[in-house]
PDB file of N, CA and C in Angstrom:
ATOM      1  N   MET A   1       4.496   0.421  -7.946  1.00  0.00           N
ATOM      2  CA  MET A   1       4.963  -0.930  -8.116  1.00  0.00           C
ATOM      3  C   MET A   1       6.392  -1.096  -7.645  1.00  0.00           C
ATOM      4  N   SER A   2       7.214  -0.088  -7.840  1.00  0.00           N
ATOM      5  CA  SER A   2       8.630  -0.257  -7.512  1.00  0.00           C
ATOM      6  C   SER A   2       9.007   0.382  -6.187  1.00  0.00           C
ATOM      7  N   THR A   3       8.053   0.906  -5.433  1.00  0.00           N
ATOM      8  CA  THR A   3       8.393   1.562  -4.178  1.00  0.00           C
ATOM      9  C   THR A   3       8.401   0.620  -2.988  1.00  0.00           C
ATOM     10  N   SER A   4       7.960  -0.616  -3.170  1.00  0.00           N
ATOM     11  CA  SER A   4       7.963  -1.566  -2.068  1.00  0.00           C
ATOM     12  C   SER A   4       8.700  -2.832  -2.488  1.00  0.00           C
ATOM     13  N   SER A   5       9.114  -3.599  -1.487  1.00  0.00           N
ATOM     14  CA  SER A   5       9.835  -4.830  -1.804  1.00  0.00           C
ATOM     15  C   SER A   5       8.903  -5.863  -2.436  1.00  0.00           C
ATOM     16  N   LYS A   6       7.623  -5.800  -2.083  1.00  0.00           N
ATOM     17  CA  LYS A   6       6.626  -6.674  -2.698  1.00  0.00           C
ATOM     18  C   LYS A   6       5.752  -5.810  -3.596  1.00  0.00           C
ATOM     19  N   SER A   7       5.411  -6.331  -4.732  1.00  0.00           N
ATOM     20  CA  SER A   7       4.601  -5.575  -5.680  1.00  0.00           C
ATOM     21  C   SER A   7       3.128  -5.590  -5.266  1.00  0.00           C
ATOM     22  N   ILE A   8       2.398  -4.624  -5.737  1.00  0.00           N
ATOM     23  CA  ILE A   8       0.958  -4.586  -5.540  1.00  0.00           C
ATOM     24  C   ILE A   8       0.329  -5.659  -6.439  1.00  0.00           C
ATOM     25  N   SER A   9      -0.772  -6.240  -6.020  1.00  0.00           N
ATOM     26  CA  SER A   9      -1.406  -7.272  -6.844  1.00  0.00           C
ATOM     27  C   SER A   9      -2.204  -6.625  -7.974  1.00  0.00           C
ATOM     28  N   SER A  10      -2.418  -7.381  -9.024  1.00  0.00           N
ATOM     29  CA  SER A  10      -3.198  -6.857 -10.143  1.00  0.00           C
ATOM     30  C   SER A  10      -4.652  -6.617  -9.726  1.00  0.00           C
ATOM     31  N   ILE A  11      -5.133  -7.353  -8.748  1.00  0.00           N
ATOM     32  CA  ILE A  11      -6.493  -7.133  -8.239  1.00  0.00           C
ATOM     33  C   ILE A  11      -6.570  -5.767  -7.564  1.00  0.00           C
ATOM     34  N   GLN A  12      -5.579  -5.470  -6.714  1.00  0.00           N
ATOM     35  CA  GLN A  12      -5.546  -4.174  -6.037  1.00  0.00           C
ATOM     36  C   GLN A  12      -5.394  -3.039  -7.039  1.00  0.00           C
ATOM     37  N   MET A  13      -4.524  -3.206  -8.022  1.00  0.00           N
ATOM     38  CA  MET A  13      -4.311  -2.161  -9.011  1.00  0.00           C
ATOM     39  C   MET A  13      -5.575  -1.939  -9.830  1.00  0.00           C
ATOM     40  N   GLY A  14      -6.265  -3.008 -10.190  1.00  0.00           N
ATOM     41  CA  GLY A  14      -7.505  -2.888 -10.936  1.00  0.00           C
ATOM     42  C   GLY A  14      -8.548  -2.081 -10.183  1.00  0.00           C
ATOM     43  N   LYS A  15      -8.681  -2.359  -8.898  1.00  0.00           N
ATOM     44  CA  LYS A  15      -9.630  -1.609  -8.073  1.00  0.00           C
ATOM     45  C   LYS A  15      -9.210  -0.150  -7.937  1.00  0.00           C
ATOM     46  N   CYS A  16      -7.931   0.095  -7.765  1.00  0.00           N
ATOM     47  CA  CYS A  16      -7.408   1.451  -7.579  1.00  0.00           C
ATOM     48  C   CYS A  16      -7.677   2.324  -8.803  1.00  0.00           C
ATOM     49  N   PHE A  17      -7.525   1.761 -10.005  1.00  0.00           N
ATOM     50  CA  PHE A  17      -7.677   2.535 -11.239  1.00  0.00           C
ATOM     51  C   PHE A  17      -8.986   2.246 -11.971  1.00  0.00           C
ATOM     52  N   SER A  18      -9.879   1.498 -11.340  1.00  0.00           N
ATOM     53  CA  SER A  18     -11.184   1.152 -11.926  1.00  0.00           C
ATOM     54  C   SER A  18     -11.046   0.491 -13.298  1.00  0.00           C
ATOM     55  N   ILE A  19     -10.139  -0.492 -13.368  1.00  0.00           N
ATOM     56  CA  ILE A  19      -9.945  -1.277 -14.580  1.00  0.00           C
ATOM     57  C   ILE A  19     -10.046  -2.753 -14.201  1.00  0.00           C
ATOM     58  N   SER A  20     -10.184  -3.608 -15.196  1.00  0.00           N
ATOM     59  CA  SER A  20     -10.312  -5.037 -14.891  1.00  0.00           C
ATOM     60  C   SER A  20      -8.980  -5.593 -14.382  1.00  0.00           C
ATOM     61  N   GLN A  21      -9.054  -6.706 -13.690  1.00  0.00           N
ATOM     62  CA  GLN A  21      -7.850  -7.357 -13.177  1.00  0.00           C
ATOM     63  C   GLN A  21      -6.948  -7.761 -14.336  1.00  0.00           C
ATOM     64  N   GLY A  22      -7.544  -8.231 -15.428  1.00  0.00           N
ATOM     65  CA  GLY A  22      -6.759  -8.643 -16.599  1.00  0.00           C
ATOM     66  C   GLY A  22      -5.985  -7.488 -17.219  1.00  0.00           C
ATOM     67  N   THR A  23      -6.635  -6.340 -17.327  1.00  0.00           N
ATOM     68  CA  THR A  23      -5.971  -5.153 -17.870  1.00  0.00           C
ATOM     69  C   THR A  23      -4.849  -4.712 -16.950  1.00  0.00           C
ATOM     70  N   ALA A  24      -5.100  -4.737 -15.638  1.00  0.00           N
ATOM     71  CA  ALA A  24      -4.068  -4.358 -14.668  1.00  0.00           C
ATOM     72  C   ALA A  24      -2.882  -5.312 -14.753  1.00  0.00           C
ATOM     73  N   TRP A  25      -3.155  -6.606 -14.881  1.00  0.00           N
ATOM     74  CA  TRP A  25      -2.079  -7.598 -14.979  1.00  0.00           C
ATOM     75  C   TRP A  25      -1.235  -7.332 -16.228  1.00  0.00           C
ATOM     76  N   TYR A  26      -1.902  -7.088 -17.366  1.00  0.00           N
ATOM     77  CA  TYR A  26      -1.198  -6.826 -18.627  1.00  0.00           C
ATOM     78  C   TYR A  26      -0.335  -5.572 -18.502  1.00  0.00           C
ATOM     79  N   PHE A  27      -0.884  -4.517 -17.914  1.00  0.00           N
ATOM     80  CA  PHE A  27      -0.135  -3.274 -17.705  1.00  0.00           C
ATOM     81  C   PHE A  27       1.096  -3.527 -16.834  1.00  0.00           C
ATOM     82  N   MET A  28       0.915  -4.293 -15.758  1.00  0.00           N
ATOM     83  CA  MET A  28       2.026  -4.578 -14.850  1.00  0.00           C
ATOM     84  C   MET A  28       3.109  -5.397 -15.543  1.00  0.00           C
ATOM     85  N   GLN A  29       2.732  -6.316 -16.423  1.00  0.00           N
ATOM     86  CA  GLN A  29       3.715  -7.090 -17.180  1.00  0.00           C
ATOM     87  C   GLN A  29       4.536  -6.175 -18.084  1.00  0.00           C
ATOM     88  N   LYS A  30       3.872  -5.241 -18.756  1.00  0.00           N
ATOM     89  CA  LYS A  30       4.556  -4.301 -19.647  1.00  0.00           C
ATOM     90  C   LYS A  30       5.516  -3.406 -18.868  1.00  0.00           C
ATOM     91  N   VAL A  31       5.065  -2.899 -17.721  1.00  0.00           N
ATOM     92  CA  VAL A  31       5.921  -2.043 -16.893  1.00  0.00           C
ATOM     93  C   VAL A  31       7.114  -2.831 -16.377  1.00  0.00           C
ATOM     94  N   GLY A  32       6.865  -4.058 -15.909  1.00  0.00           N
ATOM     95  CA  GLY A  32       7.961  -4.907 -15.403  1.00  0.00           C
ATOM     96  C   GLY A  32       8.996  -5.198 -16.472  1.00  0.00           C
ATOM     97  N   LYS A  33       8.536  -5.492 -17.677  1.00  0.00           N
ATOM     98  CA  LYS A  33       9.451  -5.759 -18.788  1.00  0.00           C
ATOM     99  C   LYS A  33      10.278  -4.517 -19.118  1.00  0.00           C
ATOM    100  N   THR A  34       9.629  -3.367 -19.111  1.00  0.00           N
ATOM    101  CA  THR A  34      10.328  -2.112 -19.387  1.00  0.00           C
ATOM    102  C   THR A  34      11.352  -1.813 -18.304  1.00  0.00           C
ATOM    103  N   MET A  35      10.988  -2.053 -17.053  1.00  0.00           N
ATOM    104  CA  MET A  35      11.913  -1.792 -15.949  1.00  0.00           C
ATOM    105  C   MET A  35      13.136  -2.708 -16.039  1.00  0.00           C
ATOM    106  N   LYS A  36      12.934  -3.968 -16.420  1.00  0.00           N
ATOM    107  CA  LYS A  36      14.058  -4.898 -16.560  1.00  0.00           C
ATOM    108  C   LYS A  36      14.985  -4.475 -17.691  1.00  0.00           C
ATOM    109  N   SER A  37      14.391  -4.031 -18.811  1.00  0.00           N
ATOM    110  CA  SER A  37      15.213  -3.669 -19.969  1.00  0.00           C
ATOM    111  C   SER A  37      15.965  -2.361 -19.749  1.00  0.00           C
ATOM    112  N   SER A  38      15.545  -1.564 -18.770  1.00  0.00           N
ATOM    113  CA  SER A  38      16.211  -0.291 -18.541  1.00  0.00           C
ATOM    114  C   SER A  38      17.167  -0.321 -17.352  1.00  0.00           C
ATOM    115  N   GLN A  39      17.521  -1.507 -16.853  1.00  0.00           N
ATOM    116  CA  GLN A  39      18.424  -1.600 -15.711  1.00  0.00           C
ATOM    117  C   GLN A  39      19.778  -0.956 -16.005  1.00  0.00           C
ATOM    118  N   LYS A  40      20.133  -0.937 -17.261  1.00  0.00           N
ATOM    119  CA  LYS A  40      21.398  -0.337 -17.651  1.00  0.00           C
ATOM    120  C   LYS A  40      21.366   1.186 -17.462  1.00  0.00           C
ATOM    121  N   TYR A  41      20.171   1.770 -17.540  1.00  0.00           N
ATOM    122  CA  TYR A  41      19.998   3.219 -17.446  1.00  0.00           C
ATOM    123  C   TYR A  41      19.125   3.543 -16.236  1.00  0.00           C
ATOM    124  N   THR A  42      19.715   3.495 -15.072  1.00  0.00           N
ATOM    125  CA  THR A  42      18.946   3.695 -13.850  1.00  0.00           C
ATOM    126  C   THR A  42      18.505   5.146 -13.704  1.00  0.00           C
ATOM    127  N   LEU A  43      17.335   5.308 -13.073  1.00  0.00           N
ATOM    128  CA  LEU A  43      16.810   6.637 -12.802  1.00  0.00           C
ATOM    129  C   LEU A  43      17.414   7.147 -11.510  1.00  0.00           C
ATOM    130  N   GLU A  44      17.706   8.429 -11.462  1.00  0.00           N
ATOM    131  CA  GLU A  44      18.345   8.993 -10.288  1.00  0.00           C
ATOM    132  C   GLU A  44      17.399   9.826  -9.434  1.00  0.00           C
ATOM    133  N   LYS A  45      16.228  10.141  -9.957  1.00  0.00           N
ATOM    134  CA  LYS A  45      15.274  10.954  -9.215  1.00  0.00           C
ATOM    135  C   LYS A  45      13.914  10.265  -9.217  1.00  0.00           C
ATOM    136  N   LEU A  46      13.013  10.763  -8.387  1.00  0.00           N
ATOM    137  CA  LEU A  46      11.666  10.226  -8.298  1.00  0.00           C
ATOM    138  C   LEU A  46      10.894  10.543  -9.574  1.00  0.00           C
ATOM    139  N   ILE A  47      10.222   9.548 -10.123  1.00  0.00           N
ATOM    140  CA  ILE A  47       9.418   9.707 -11.325  1.00  0.00           C
ATOM    141  C   ILE A  47       7.956   9.483 -10.955  1.00  0.00           C
ATOM    142  N   ASN A  48       7.106  10.421 -11.316  1.00  0.00           N
ATOM    143  CA  ASN A  48       5.670  10.298 -11.055  1.00  0.00           C
ATOM    144  C   ASN A  48       4.925  10.134 -12.363  1.00  0.00           C
ATOM    145  N   VAL A  49       3.942   9.257 -12.361  1.00  0.00           N
ATOM    146  CA  VAL A  49       3.067   9.072 -13.518  1.00  0.00           C
ATOM    147  C   VAL A  49       1.713   9.632 -13.122  1.00  0.00           C
ATOM    148  N   ASP A  50       1.272  10.650 -13.840  1.00  0.00           N
ATOM    149  CA  ASP A  50       0.001  11.294 -13.513  1.00  0.00           C
ATOM    150  C   ASP A  50      -1.201  10.472 -13.964  1.00  0.00           C
ATOM    151  N   GLY A  51      -1.040   9.698 -15.013  1.00  0.00           N
ATOM    152  CA  GLY A  51      -2.147   8.901 -15.507  1.00  0.00           C
ATOM    153  C   GLY A  51      -1.728   8.093 -16.714  1.00  0.00           C
ATOM    154  N   PHE A  52      -2.618   7.236 -17.148  1.00  0.00           N
ATOM    155  CA  PHE A  52      -2.361   6.455 -18.338  1.00  0.00           C
ATOM    156  C   PHE A  52      -3.687   6.128 -18.994  1.00  0.00           C
ATOM    157  N   MET A  53      -3.642   5.853 -20.279  1.00  0.00           N
ATOM    158  CA  MET A  53      -4.839   5.547 -21.043  1.00  0.00           C
ATOM    159  C   MET A  53      -4.911   4.040 -21.269  1.00  0.00           C
ATOM    160  N   VAL A  54      -6.095   3.480 -21.150  1.00  0.00           N
ATOM    161  CA  VAL A  54      -6.303   2.063 -21.382  1.00  0.00           C
ATOM    162  C   VAL A  54      -7.321   1.929 -22.510  1.00  0.00           C
ATOM    163  N   GLY A  55      -6.911   1.265 -23.586  1.00  0.00           N
ATOM    164  CA  GLY A  55      -7.838   0.980 -24.668  1.00  0.00           C
ATOM    165  C   GLY A  55      -8.060   2.104 -25.660  1.00  0.00           C
ATOM    166  N   GLU A  56      -7.314   3.169 -25.581  1.00  0.00           N
ATOM    167  CA  GLU A  56      -7.454   4.277 -26.518  1.00  0.00           C
ATOM    168  C   GLU A  56      -6.599   4.039 -27.750  1.00  0.00           C
ATOM    169  N   LYS A  57      -7.069   4.483 -28.896  1.00  0.00           N
ATOM    170  CA  LYS A  57      -6.302   4.365 -30.125  1.00  0.00           C
ATOM    171  C   LYS A  57      -6.063   5.719 -30.722  1.00  0.00           C
TER     172      LYS A  57
END
């Protein structure tokens, strides 16, 4: 999401991770909010996310 000047669409993300468009949109909103709140603490190296859980409790 943050490697390009334009973000990936929630439709594309949903297809990529085999999740619904709505779930992808919600995930992207959460990530965007987190990225905005952490502007004060910028990352200096590449961060990779190996995976994430959707709907698990």
